[in-house]
Amino acid sequence: KAAEAKLDELFREDLGKSSVADRERSKYELFATFPDSTSMVG
């Protein structure tokens, strides 16, 4: 059940929020860092 909730989180986690940065990062920053990660769902 905990793993299922964790997997749900993968598909729902916001693109811009960060657990470390002191601000929300943009899609631009994410894709500039991970250009191979396209067609995102969460």
All heavy atoms as atom14 arrays in JSON, in Angstrom:
{
  "sequence": "KAAEAKLDELFREDLGKSSVADRERSKYELFATFPDSTSMVG",
  "atom14_mask": [
    [1, 1, 1, 1, 1, 1, 1, 1, 1, 0, 0, 0, 0, 0],
    [1, 1, 1, 1, 1, 0, 0, 0, 0, 0, 0, 0, 0, 0],
    [1, 1, 1, 1, 1, 0, 0, 0, 0, 0, 0, 0, 0, 0],
    [1, 1, 1, 1, 1, 1, 1, 1, 1, 0, 0, 0, 0, 0],
    [1, 1, 1, 1, 1, 0, 0, 0, 0, 0, 0, 0, 0, 0],
    [1, 1, 1, 1, 1, 1, 1, 1, 1, 0, 0, 0, 0, 0],
    [1, 1, 1, 1, 1, 1, 1, 1, 0, 0, 0, 0, 0, 0],
    [1, 1, 1, 1, 1, 1, 1, 1, 0, 0, 0, 0, 0, 0],
    [1, 1, 1, 1, 1, 1, 1, 1, 1, 0, 0, 0, 0, 0],
    [1, 1, 1, 1, 1, 1, 1, 1, 0, 0, 0, 0, 0, 0],
    [1, 1, 1, 1, 1, 1, 1, 1, 1, 1, 1, 0, 0, 0],
    [1, 1, 1, 1, 1, 1, 1, 1, 1, 1, 1, 0, 0, 0],
    [1, 1, 1, 1, 1, 1, 1, 1, 1, 0, 0, 0, 0, 0],
    [1, 1, 1, 1, 1, 1, 1, 1, 0, 0, 0, 0, 0, 0],
    [1, 1, 1, 1, 1, 1, 1, 1, 0, 0, 0, 0, 0, 0],
    [1, 1, 1, 1, 0, 0, 0, 0, 0, 0, 0, 0, 0, 0],
    [1, 1, 1, 1, 1, 1, 1, 1, 1, 0, 0, 0, 0, 0],
    [1, 1, 1, 1, 1, 1, 0, 0, 0, 0, 0, 0, 0, 0],
    [1, 1, 1, 1, 1, 1, 0, 0, 0, 0, 0, 0, 0, 0],
    [1, 1, 1, 1, 1, 1, 1, 0, 0, 0, 0, 0, 0, 0],
    [1, 1, 1, 1, 1, 0, 0, 0, 0, 0, 0, 0, 0, 0],
    [1, 1, 1, 1, 1, 1, 1, 1, 0, 0, 0, 0, 0, 0],
    [1, 1, 1, 1, 1, 1, 1, 1, 1, 1, 1, 0, 0, 0],
    [1, 1, 1, 1, 1, 1, 1, 1, 1, 0, 0, 0, 0, 0],
    [1, 1, 1, 1, 1, 1, 1, 1, 1, 1, 1, 0, 0, 0],
    [1, 1, 1, 1, 1, 1, 0, 0, 0, 0, 0, 0, 0, 0],
    [1, 1, 1, 1, 1, 1, 1, 1, 1, 0, 0, 0, 0, 0],
    [1, 1, 1, 1, 1, 1, 1, 1, 1, 1, 1, 1, 0, 0],
    [1, 1, 1, 1, 1, 1, 1, 1, 1, 0, 0, 0, 0, 0],
    [1, 1, 1, 1, 1, 1, 1, 1, 0, 0, 0, 0, 0, 0],
    [1, 1, 1, 1, 1, 1, 1, 1, 1, 1, 1, 0, 0, 0],
    [1, 1, 1, 1, 1, 0, 0, 0, 0, 0, 0, 0, 0, 0],
    [1, 1, 1, 1, 1, 1, 1, 0, 0, 0, 0, 0, 0, 0],
    [1, 1, 1, 1, 1, 1, 1, 1, 1, 1, 1, 0, 0, 0],
    [1, 1, 1, 1, 1, 1, 1, 0, 0, 0, 0, 0, 0, 0],
    [1, 1, 1, 1, 1, 1, 1, 1, 0, 0, 0, 0, 0, 0],
    [1, 1, 1, 1, 1, 1, 0, 0, 0, 0, 0, 0, 0, 0],
    [1, 1, 1, 1, 1, 1, 1, 0, 0, 0, 0, 0, 0, 0],
    [1, 1, 1, 1, 1, 1, 0, 0, 0, 0, 0, 0, 0, 0],
    [1, 1, 1, 1, 1, 1, 1, 1, 0, 0, 0, 0, 0, 0],
    [1, 1, 1, 1, 1, 1, 1, 0, 0, 0, 0, 0, 0, 0],
    [1, 1, 1, 1, 0, 0, 0, 0, 0, 0, 0, 0, 0, 0]
  ],
  "atom14_positions": [
    [[0.82, -1.21, 0.0], [0.0, 0.0, 0.0], [0.85, 1.26, 0.0], [0.56, 2.24, -0.7], [-0.96, -0.01, 1.19], [-2.13, -0.97, 1.03], [-2.99, -0.57, -0.17], [-4.17, -1.51, -0.35], [-4.96, -1.16, -1.57], [0.0, 0.0, 0.0], [0.0, 0.0, 0.0], [0.0, 0.0, 0.0], [0.0, 0.0, 0.0], [0.0, 0.0, 0.0]],
    [[1.92, 1.25, 0.79], [2.8, 2.42, 0.82], [3.49, 2.6, -0.52], [3.66, 3.73, -1.01], [3.84, 2.25, 1.93], [0.0, 0.0, 0.0], [0.0, 0.0, 0.0], [0.0, 0.0, 0.0], [0.0, 0.0, 0.0], [0.0, 0.0, 0.0], [0.0, 0.0, 0.0], [0.0, 0.0, 0.0], [0.0, 0.0, 0.0], [0.0, 0.0, 0.0]],
    [[3.9, 1.48, -1.15], [4.53, 1.57, -2.46], [3.54, 2.06, -3.51], [3.9, 2.84, -4.41], [5.11, 0.22, -2.85], [0.0, 0.0, 0.0], [0.0, 0.0, 0.0], [0.0, 0.0, 0.0], [0.0, 0.0, 0.0], [0.0, 0.0, 0.0], [0.0, 0.0, 0.0], [0.0, 0.0, 0.0], [0.0, 0.0, 0.0], [0.0, 0.0, 0.0]],
    [[2.3, 1.62, -3.42], [1.26, 2.09, -4.34], [1.08, 3.61, -4.23], [0.98, 4.31, -5.24], [-0.05, 1.38, -4.06], [-1.19, 1.77, -4.97], [-2.5, 1.12, -4.59], [-2.49, 0.11, -3.85], [-3.55, 1.63, -5.02], [0.0, 0.0, 0.0], [0.0, 0.0, 0.0], [0.0, 0.0, 0.0], [0.0, 0.0, 0.0], [0.0, 0.0, 0.0]],
    [[1.05, 4.11, -2.99], [0.91, 5.55, -2.78], [2.13, 6.28, -3.33], [2.02, 7.38, -3.9], [0.73, 5.85, -1.29], [0.0, 0.0, 0.0], [0.0, 0.0, 0.0], [0.0, 0.0, 0.0], [0.0, 0.0, 0.0], [0.0, 0.0, 0.0], [0.0, 0.0, 0.0], [0.0, 0.0, 0.0], [0.0, 0.0, 0.0], [0.0, 0.0, 0.0]],
    [[3.31, 5.68, -3.18], [4.53, 6.28, -3.7], [4.5, 6.33, -5.23], [4.94, 7.31, -5.85], [5.74, 5.47, -3.22], [7.08, 6.12, -3.5], [7.33, 7.29, -2.57], [8.71, 7.87, -2.76], [8.91, 9.09, -1.95], [0.0, 0.0, 0.0], [0.0, 0.0, 0.0], [0.0, 0.0, 0.0], [0.0, 0.0, 0.0], [0.0, 0.0, 0.0]],
    [[3.96, 5.28, -5.84], [3.85, 5.25, -7.29], [2.82, 6.27, -7.78], [3.02, 6.93, -8.81], [3.48, 3.84, -7.75], [3.58, 3.53, -9.25], [4.91, 3.92, -9.83], [3.29, 2.05, -9.5], [0.0, 0.0, 0.0], [0.0, 0.0, 0.0], [0.0, 0.0, 0.0], [0.0, 0.0, 0.0], [0.0, 0.0, 0.0], [0.0, 0.0, 0.0]],
    [[1.73, 6.42, -7.04], [0.77, 7.47, -7.36], [1.45, 8.84, -7.35], [1.21, 9.69, -8.22], [-0.38, 7.49, -6.34], [-1.31, 6.3, -6.47], [-1.31, 5.65, -7.53], [-2.05, 6.02, -5.5], [0.0, 0.0, 0.0], [0.0, 0.0, 0.0], [0.0, 0.0, 0.0], [0.0, 0.0, 0.0], [0.0, 0.0, 0.0], [0.0, 0.0, 0.0]],
    [[2.31, 9.04, -6.37], [3.03, 10.32, -6.24], [3.89, 10.6, -7.46], [3.99, 11.74, -7.92], [3.89, 10.3, -4.98], [4.73, 11.56, -4.76], [5.74, 11.41, -3.64], [5.73, 10.37, -2.96], [6.55, 12.34, -3.45], [0.0, 0.0, 0.0], [0.0, 0.0, 0.0], [0.0, 0.0, 0.0], [0.0, 0.0, 0.0], [0.0, 0.0, 0.0]],
    [[4.52, 9.56, -8.0], [5.35, 9.74, -9.19], [4.55, 10.4, -10.31], [5.04, 11.32, -10.98], [5.89, 8.39, -9.66], [6.58, 8.37, -11.03], [7.92, 9.08, -10.96], [6.74, 6.94, -11.54], [0.0, 0.0, 0.0], [0.0, 0.0, 0.0], [0.0, 0.0, 0.0], [0.0, 0.0, 0.0], [0.0, 0.0, 0.0], [0.0, 0.0, 0.0]],
    [[3.33, 9.94, -10.53], [2.51, 10.45, -11.63], [1.85, 11.79, -11.3], [1.27, 12.41, -12.19], [1.43, 9.43, -12.0], [1.96, 8.22, -12.72], [2.18, 7.02, -12.04], [2.25, 8.27, -14.07], [2.65, 5.91, -12.71], [2.73, 7.16, -14.74], [2.93, 5.97, -14.05], [0.0, 0.0, 0.0], [0.0, 0.0, 0.0], [0.0, 0.0, 0.0]],
    [[1.93, 12.22, -10.05], [1.2, 13.43, -9.64], [2.1, 14.56, -9.15], [1.64, 15.68, -8.99], [0.2, 13.07, -8.53], [-0.9, 12.13, -9.01], [-1.71, 11.56, -7.87], [-2.78, 10.68, -8.35], [-3.48, 9.85, -7.58], [-3.23, 9.8, -6.27], [-4.42, 9.09, -8.1], [0.0, 0.0, 0.0], [0.0, 0.0, 0.0], [0.0, 0.0, 0.0]],
    [[3.36, 14.27, -8.9], [4.25, 15.27, -8.32], [4.46, 16.42, -9.29], [4.73, 16.23, -10.47], [5.6, 14.63, -7.97], [6.64, 15.59, -7.42], [6.27, 16.16, -6.06], [5.37, 15.6, -5.4], [6.91, 17.14, -5.66], [0.0, 0.0, 0.0], [0.0, 0.0, 0.0], [0.0, 0.0, 0.0], [0.0, 0.0, 0.0], [0.0, 0.0, 0.0]],
    [[4.36, 17.63, -8.78], [4.48, 18.83, -9.6], [5.85, 18.91, -10.26], [6.86, 18.54, -9.68], [4.24, 20.06, -8.72], [4.14, 21.33, -9.55], [5.18, 21.95, -9.79], [3.02, 21.67, -9.96], [0.0, 0.0, 0.0], [0.0, 0.0, 0.0], [0.0, 0.0, 0.0], [0.0, 0.0, 0.0], [0.0, 0.0, 0.0], [0.0, 0.0, 0.0]],
    [[5.88, 19.45, -11.46], [7.15, 19.59, -12.18], [8.07, 20.62, -11.54], [9.29, 20.47, -11.54], [6.88, 20.0, -13.64], [6.41, 18.93, -14.6], [6.07, 19.54, -15.93], [7.47, 17.86, -14.77], [0.0, 0.0, 0.0], [0.0, 0.0, 0.0], [0.0, 0.0, 0.0], [0.0, 0.0, 0.0], [0.0, 0.0, 0.0], [0.0, 0.0, 0.0]],
    [[7.49, 21.68, -11.0], [8.33, 22.8, -10.59], [8.77, 22.79, -9.14], [9.8, 23.38, -8.81], [0.0, 0.0, 0.0], [0.0, 0.0, 0.0], [0.0, 0.0, 0.0], [0.0, 0.0, 0.0], [0.0, 0.0, 0.0], [0.0, 0.0, 0.0], [0.0, 0.0, 0.0], [0.0, 0.0, 0.0], [0.0, 0.0, 0.0], [0.0, 0.0, 0.0]],
    [[8.01, 22.16, -8.26], [8.35, 22.22, -6.85], [9.6, 21.41, -6.56], [9.88, 20.41, -7.2], [7.2, 21.7, -6.0], [5.97, 22.61, -6.02], [4.85, 22.02, -5.18], [3.63, 22.92, -5.21], [2.5, 22.35, -4.43], [0.0, 0.0, 0.0], [0.0, 0.0, 0.0], [0.0, 0.0, 0.0], [0.0, 0.0, 0.0], [0.0, 0.0, 0.0]],
    [[10.36, 21.83, -5.56], [11.6, 21.16, -5.22], [11.7, 21.02, -3.71], [11.36, 21.94, -2.96], [12.81, 21.94, -5.74], [14.0, 21.42, -5.21], [0.0, 0.0, 0.0], [0.0, 0.0, 0.0], [0.0, 0.0, 0.0], [0.0, 0.0, 0.0], [0.0, 0.0, 0.0], [0.0, 0.0, 0.0], [0.0, 0.0, 0.0], [0.0, 0.0, 0.0]],
    [[12.19, 19.87, -3.25], [12.32, 19.64, -1.82], [13.57, 20.28, -1.24], [13.75, 20.32, -0.03], [12.38, 18.12, -1.56], [13.49, 17.54, -2.23], [0.0, 0.0, 0.0], [0.0, 0.0, 0.0], [0.0, 0.0, 0.0], [0.0, 0.0, 0.0], [0.0, 0.0, 0.0], [0.0, 0.0, 0.0], [0.0, 0.0, 0.0], [0.0, 0.0, 0.0]],
    [[14.45, 20.82, -2.09], [15.7, 21.4, -1.62], [15.76, 22.91, -1.9], [16.15, 23.7, -1.05], [16.9, 20.69, -2.27], [18.2, 21.42, -1.94], [16.98, 19.25, -1.77], [0.0, 0.0, 0.0], [0.0, 0.0, 0.0], [0.0, 0.0, 0.0], [0.0, 0.0, 0.0], [0.0, 0.0, 0.0], [0.0, 0.0, 0.0], [0.0, 0.0, 0.0]],
    [[15.37, 23.31, -3.12], [15.47, 24.72, -3.48], [14.53, 25.56, -2.64], [13.48, 25.1, -2.19], [15.16, 24.9, -4.96], [0.0, 0.0, 0.0], [0.0, 0.0, 0.0], [0.0, 0.0, 0.0], [0.0, 0.0, 0.0], [0.0, 0.0, 0.0], [0.0, 0.0, 0.0], [0.0, 0.0, 0.0], [0.0, 0.0, 0.0], [0.0, 0.0, 0.0]],
    [[14.88, 26.83, -2.44], [14.06, 27.72, -1.63], [12.99, 28.41, -2.47], [12.4, 29.39, -2.04], [14.95, 28.77, -0.93], [15.78, 29.59, -1.92], [15.64, 29.36, -3.14], [16.57, 30.43, -1.46], [0.0, 0.0, 0.0], [0.0, 0.0, 0.0], [0.0, 0.0, 0.0], [0.0, 0.0, 0.0], [0.0, 0.0, 0.0], [0.0, 0.0, 0.0]],
    [[12.75, 27.91, -3.67], [11.72, 28.46, -4.55], [11.23, 27.36, -5.47], [11.84, 26.31, -5.59], [12.3, 29.6, -5.38], [13.44, 29.14, -6.28], [14.03, 30.27, -7.11], [15.18, 29.81, -7.86], [15.1, 29.15, -9.01], [13.92, 28.88, -9.52], [16.2, 28.77, -9.65], [0.0, 0.0, 0.0], [0.0, 0.0, 0.0], [0.0, 0.0, 0.0]],
    [[10.1, 27.61, -6.1], [9.62, 26.67, -7.11], [10.41, 26.87, -8.4], [10.6, 28.0, -8.84], [8.13, 26.87, -7.37], [7.26, 26.42, -6.22], [5.8, 26.33, -6.62], [5.51, 26.49, -7.82], [4.96, 26.1, -5.75], [0.0, 0.0, 0.0], [0.0, 0.0, 0.0], [0.0, 0.0, 0.0], [0.0, 0.0, 0.0], [0.0, 0.0, 0.0]],
    [[10.85, 25.78, -8.96], [11.57, 25.86, -10.23], [10.6, 25.67, -11.39], [9.56, 25.05, -11.25], [12.67, 24.81, -10.27], [13.74, 25.03, -9.2], [14.87, 24.05, -9.35], [15.9, 24.26, -8.34], [17.02, 23.55, -8.27], [17.26, 22.6, -9.16], [17.91, 23.8, -7.33], [0.0, 0.0, 0.0], [0.0, 0.0, 0.0], [0.0, 0.0, 0.0]],
    [[10.99, 26.17, -12.54], [10.1, 26.16, -13.7], [10.29, 24.89, -14.53], [11.28, 24.17, -14.39], [10.38, 27.38, -14.57], [11.69, 27.28, -15.13], [0.0, 0.0, 0.0], [0.0, 0.0, 0.0], [0.0, 0.0, 0.0], [0.0, 0.0, 0.0], [0.0, 0.0, 0.0], [0.0, 0.0, 0.0], [0.0, 0.0, 0.0], [0.0, 0.0, 0.0]],
    [[9.33, 24.67, -15.42], [9.48, 23.59, -16.39], [10.74, 23.81, -17.23], [11.43, 22.86, -17.57], [8.25, 23.52, -17.3], [6.99, 23.02, -16.65], [5.87, 22.91, -17.68], [4.59, 22.41, -17.07], [3.51, 22.3, -18.08], [0.0, 0.0, 0.0], [0.0, 0.0, 0.0], [0.0, 0.0, 0.0], [0.0, 0.0, 0.0], [0.0, 0.0, 0.0]],
    [[10.99, 25.06, -17.55], [12.17, 25.38, -18.35], [13.42, 24.85, -17.66], [14.29, 24.25, -18.31], [12.28, 26.88, -18.54], [13.58, 27.34, -19.17], [13.73, 27.33, -20.55], [14.66, 27.74, -18.39], [14.92, 27.73, -21.14], [15.84, 28.13, -18.96], [15.98, 28.13, -20.33], [17.16, 28.51, -20.91], [0.0, 0.0, 0.0], [0.0, 0.0, 0.0]],
    [[13.54, 25.06, -16.35], [14.73, 24.61, -15.63], [14.81, 23.08, -15.59], [15.89, 22.5, -15.71], [14.72, 25.18, -14.21], [14.98, 26.68, -14.15], [14.83, 27.22, -12.75], [13.68, 27.4, -12.31], [15.87, 27.45, -12.08], [0.0, 0.0, 0.0], [0.0, 0.0, 0.0], [0.0, 0.0, 0.0], [0.0, 0.0, 0.0], [0.0, 0.0, 0.0]],
    [[13.66, 22.45, -15.42], [13.66, 20.98, -15.4], [14.11, 20.42, -16.74], [14.98, 19.55, -16.8], [12.27, 20.45, -15.04], [12.18, 18.92, -14.98], [12.94, 18.38, -13.79], [10.74, 18.45, -14.95], [0.0, 0.0, 0.0], [0.0, 0.0, 0.0], [0.0, 0.0, 0.0], [0.0, 0.0, 0.0], [0.0, 0.0, 0.0], [0.0, 0.0, 0.0]],
    [[13.53, 20.92, -17.83], [13.86, 20.38, -19.14], [15.27, 20.78, -19.58], [15.91, 20.06, -20.36], [12.83, 20.82, -20.17], [11.47, 20.24, -19.93], [10.32, 20.99, -20.09], [11.32, 18.92, -19.51], [9.06, 20.46, -19.86], [10.07, 18.37, -19.28], [8.93, 19.14, -19.45], [0.0, 0.0, 0.0], [0.0, 0.0, 0.0], [0.0, 0.0, 0.0]],
    [[15.76, 21.92, -19.1], [17.13, 22.31, -19.4], [18.11, 21.37, -18.72], [19.22, 21.13, -19.23], [17.38, 23.74, -18.95], [0.0, 0.0, 0.0], [0.0, 0.0, 0.0], [0.0, 0.0, 0.0], [0.0, 0.0, 0.0], [0.0, 0.0, 0.0], [0.0, 0.0, 0.0], [0.0, 0.0, 0.0], [0.0, 0.0, 0.0], [0.0, 0.0, 0.0]],
    [[17.71, 20.8, -17.59], [18.58, 19.86, -16.86], [18.38, 18.44, -17.36], [19.34, 17.67, -17.44], [18.28, 19.93, -15.35], [18.44, 21.28, -14.9], [19.22, 19.03, -14.57], [0.0, 0.0, 0.0], [0.0, 0.0, 0.0], [0.0, 0.0, 0.0], [0.0, 0.0, 0.0], [0.0, 0.0, 0.0], [0.0, 0.0, 0.0], [0.0, 0.0, 0.0]],
    [[17.13, 18.08, -17.68], [16.81, 16.71, -18.1], [16.13, 16.74, -19.48], [14.92, 16.5, -19.59], [15.9, 16.03, -17.08], [16.57, 15.77, -15.76], [16.44, 16.66, -14.71], [17.34, 14.63, -15.57], [17.04, 16.42, -13.49], [17.96, 14.38, -14.35], [17.82, 15.28, -13.31], [0.0, 0.0, 0.0], [0.0, 0.0, 0.0], [0.0, 0.0, 0.0]],
    [[16.88, 17.03, -20.55], [16.27, 17.12, -21.87], [15.73, 15.79, -22.39], [14.91, 15.77, -23.31], [17.4, 17.64, -22.76], [18.66, 17.24, -22.04], [18.33, 17.33, -20.59], [0.0, 0.0, 0.0], [0.0, 0.0, 0.0], [0.0, 0.0, 0.0], [0.0, 0.0, 0.0], [0.0, 0.0, 0.0], [0.0, 0.0, 0.0], [0.0, 0.0, 0.0]],
    [[16.19, 14.66, -21.81], [15.67, 13.35, -22.23], [14.35, 13.03, -21.56], [13.69, 12.06, -21.93], [16.68, 12.25, -21.88], [17.97, 12.39, -22.65], [18.86, 13.12, -22.19], [18.08, 11.78, -23.72], [0.0, 0.0, 0.0], [0.0, 0.0, 0.0], [0.0, 0.0, 0.0], [0.0, 0.0, 0.0], [0.0, 0.0, 0.0], [0.0, 0.0, 0.0]],
    [[13.98, 13.78, -20.54], [12.74, 13.51, -19.8], [11.62, 14.35, -20.41], [11.37, 15.48, -20.0], [12.92, 13.85, -18.32], [13.84, 12.98, -17.72], [0.0, 0.0, 0.0], [0.0, 0.0, 0.0], [0.0, 0.0, 0.0], [0.0, 0.0, 0.0], [0.0, 0.0, 0.0], [0.0, 0.0, 0.0], [0.0, 0.0, 0.0], [0.0, 0.0, 0.0]],
    [[10.95, 13.78, -21.39], [9.9, 14.49, -22.1], [8.57, 13.76, -21.95], [8.53, 12.62, -21.48], [10.25, 14.62, -23.59], [10.58, 13.32, -24.11], [11.43, 15.55, -23.8], [0.0, 0.0, 0.0], [0.0, 0.0, 0.0], [0.0, 0.0, 0.0], [0.0, 0.0, 0.0], [0.0, 0.0, 0.0], [0.0, 0.0, 0.0], [0.0, 0.0, 0.0]],
    [[7.49, 14.44, -22.35], [6.13, 13.9, -22.23], [5.88, 13.47, -20.78], [5.64, 12.31, -20.49], [5.91, 12.74, -23.2], [6.01, 13.19, -24.52], [0.0, 0.0, 0.0], [0.0, 0.0, 0.0], [0.0, 0.0, 0.0], [0.0, 0.0, 0.0], [0.0, 0.0, 0.0], [0.0, 0.0, 0.0], [0.0, 0.0, 0.0], [0.0, 0.0, 0.0]],
    [[5.95, 14.46, -19.91], [5.88, 14.2, -18.47], [4.43, 14.08, -17.99], [3.55, 14.81, -18.42], [6.56, 15.33, -17.7], [8.01, 15.58, -18.09], [9.11, 14.26, -17.59], [9.22, 14.59, -15.82], [0.0, 0.0, 0.0], [0.0, 0.0, 0.0], [0.0, 0.0, 0.0], [0.0, 0.0, 0.0], [0.0, 0.0, 0.0], [0.0, 0.0, 0.0]],
    [[4.23, 13.14, -17.07], [3.01, 13.04, -16.27], [3.46, 13.11, -14.83], [3.98, 12.13, -14.29], [2.24, 11.74, -16.55], [0.96, 11.69, -15.71], [1.91, 11.6, -18.02], [0.0, 0.0, 0.0], [0.0, 0.0, 0.0], [0.0, 0.0, 0.0], [0.0, 0.0, 0.0], [0.0, 0.0, 0.0], [0.0, 0.0, 0.0], [0.0, 0.0, 0.0]],
    [[3.33, 14.26, -14.21], [3.97, 14.46, -12.93], [5.47, 14.39, -13.11], [6.05, 15.12, -13.92], [0.0, 0.0, 0.0], [0.0, 0.0, 0.0], [0.0, 0.0, 0.0], [0.0, 0.0, 0.0], [0.0, 0.0, 0.0], [0.0, 0.0, 0.0], [0.0, 0.0, 0.0], [0.0, 0.0, 0.0], [0.0, 0.0, 0.0], [0.0, 0.0, 0.0]]
  ]
}
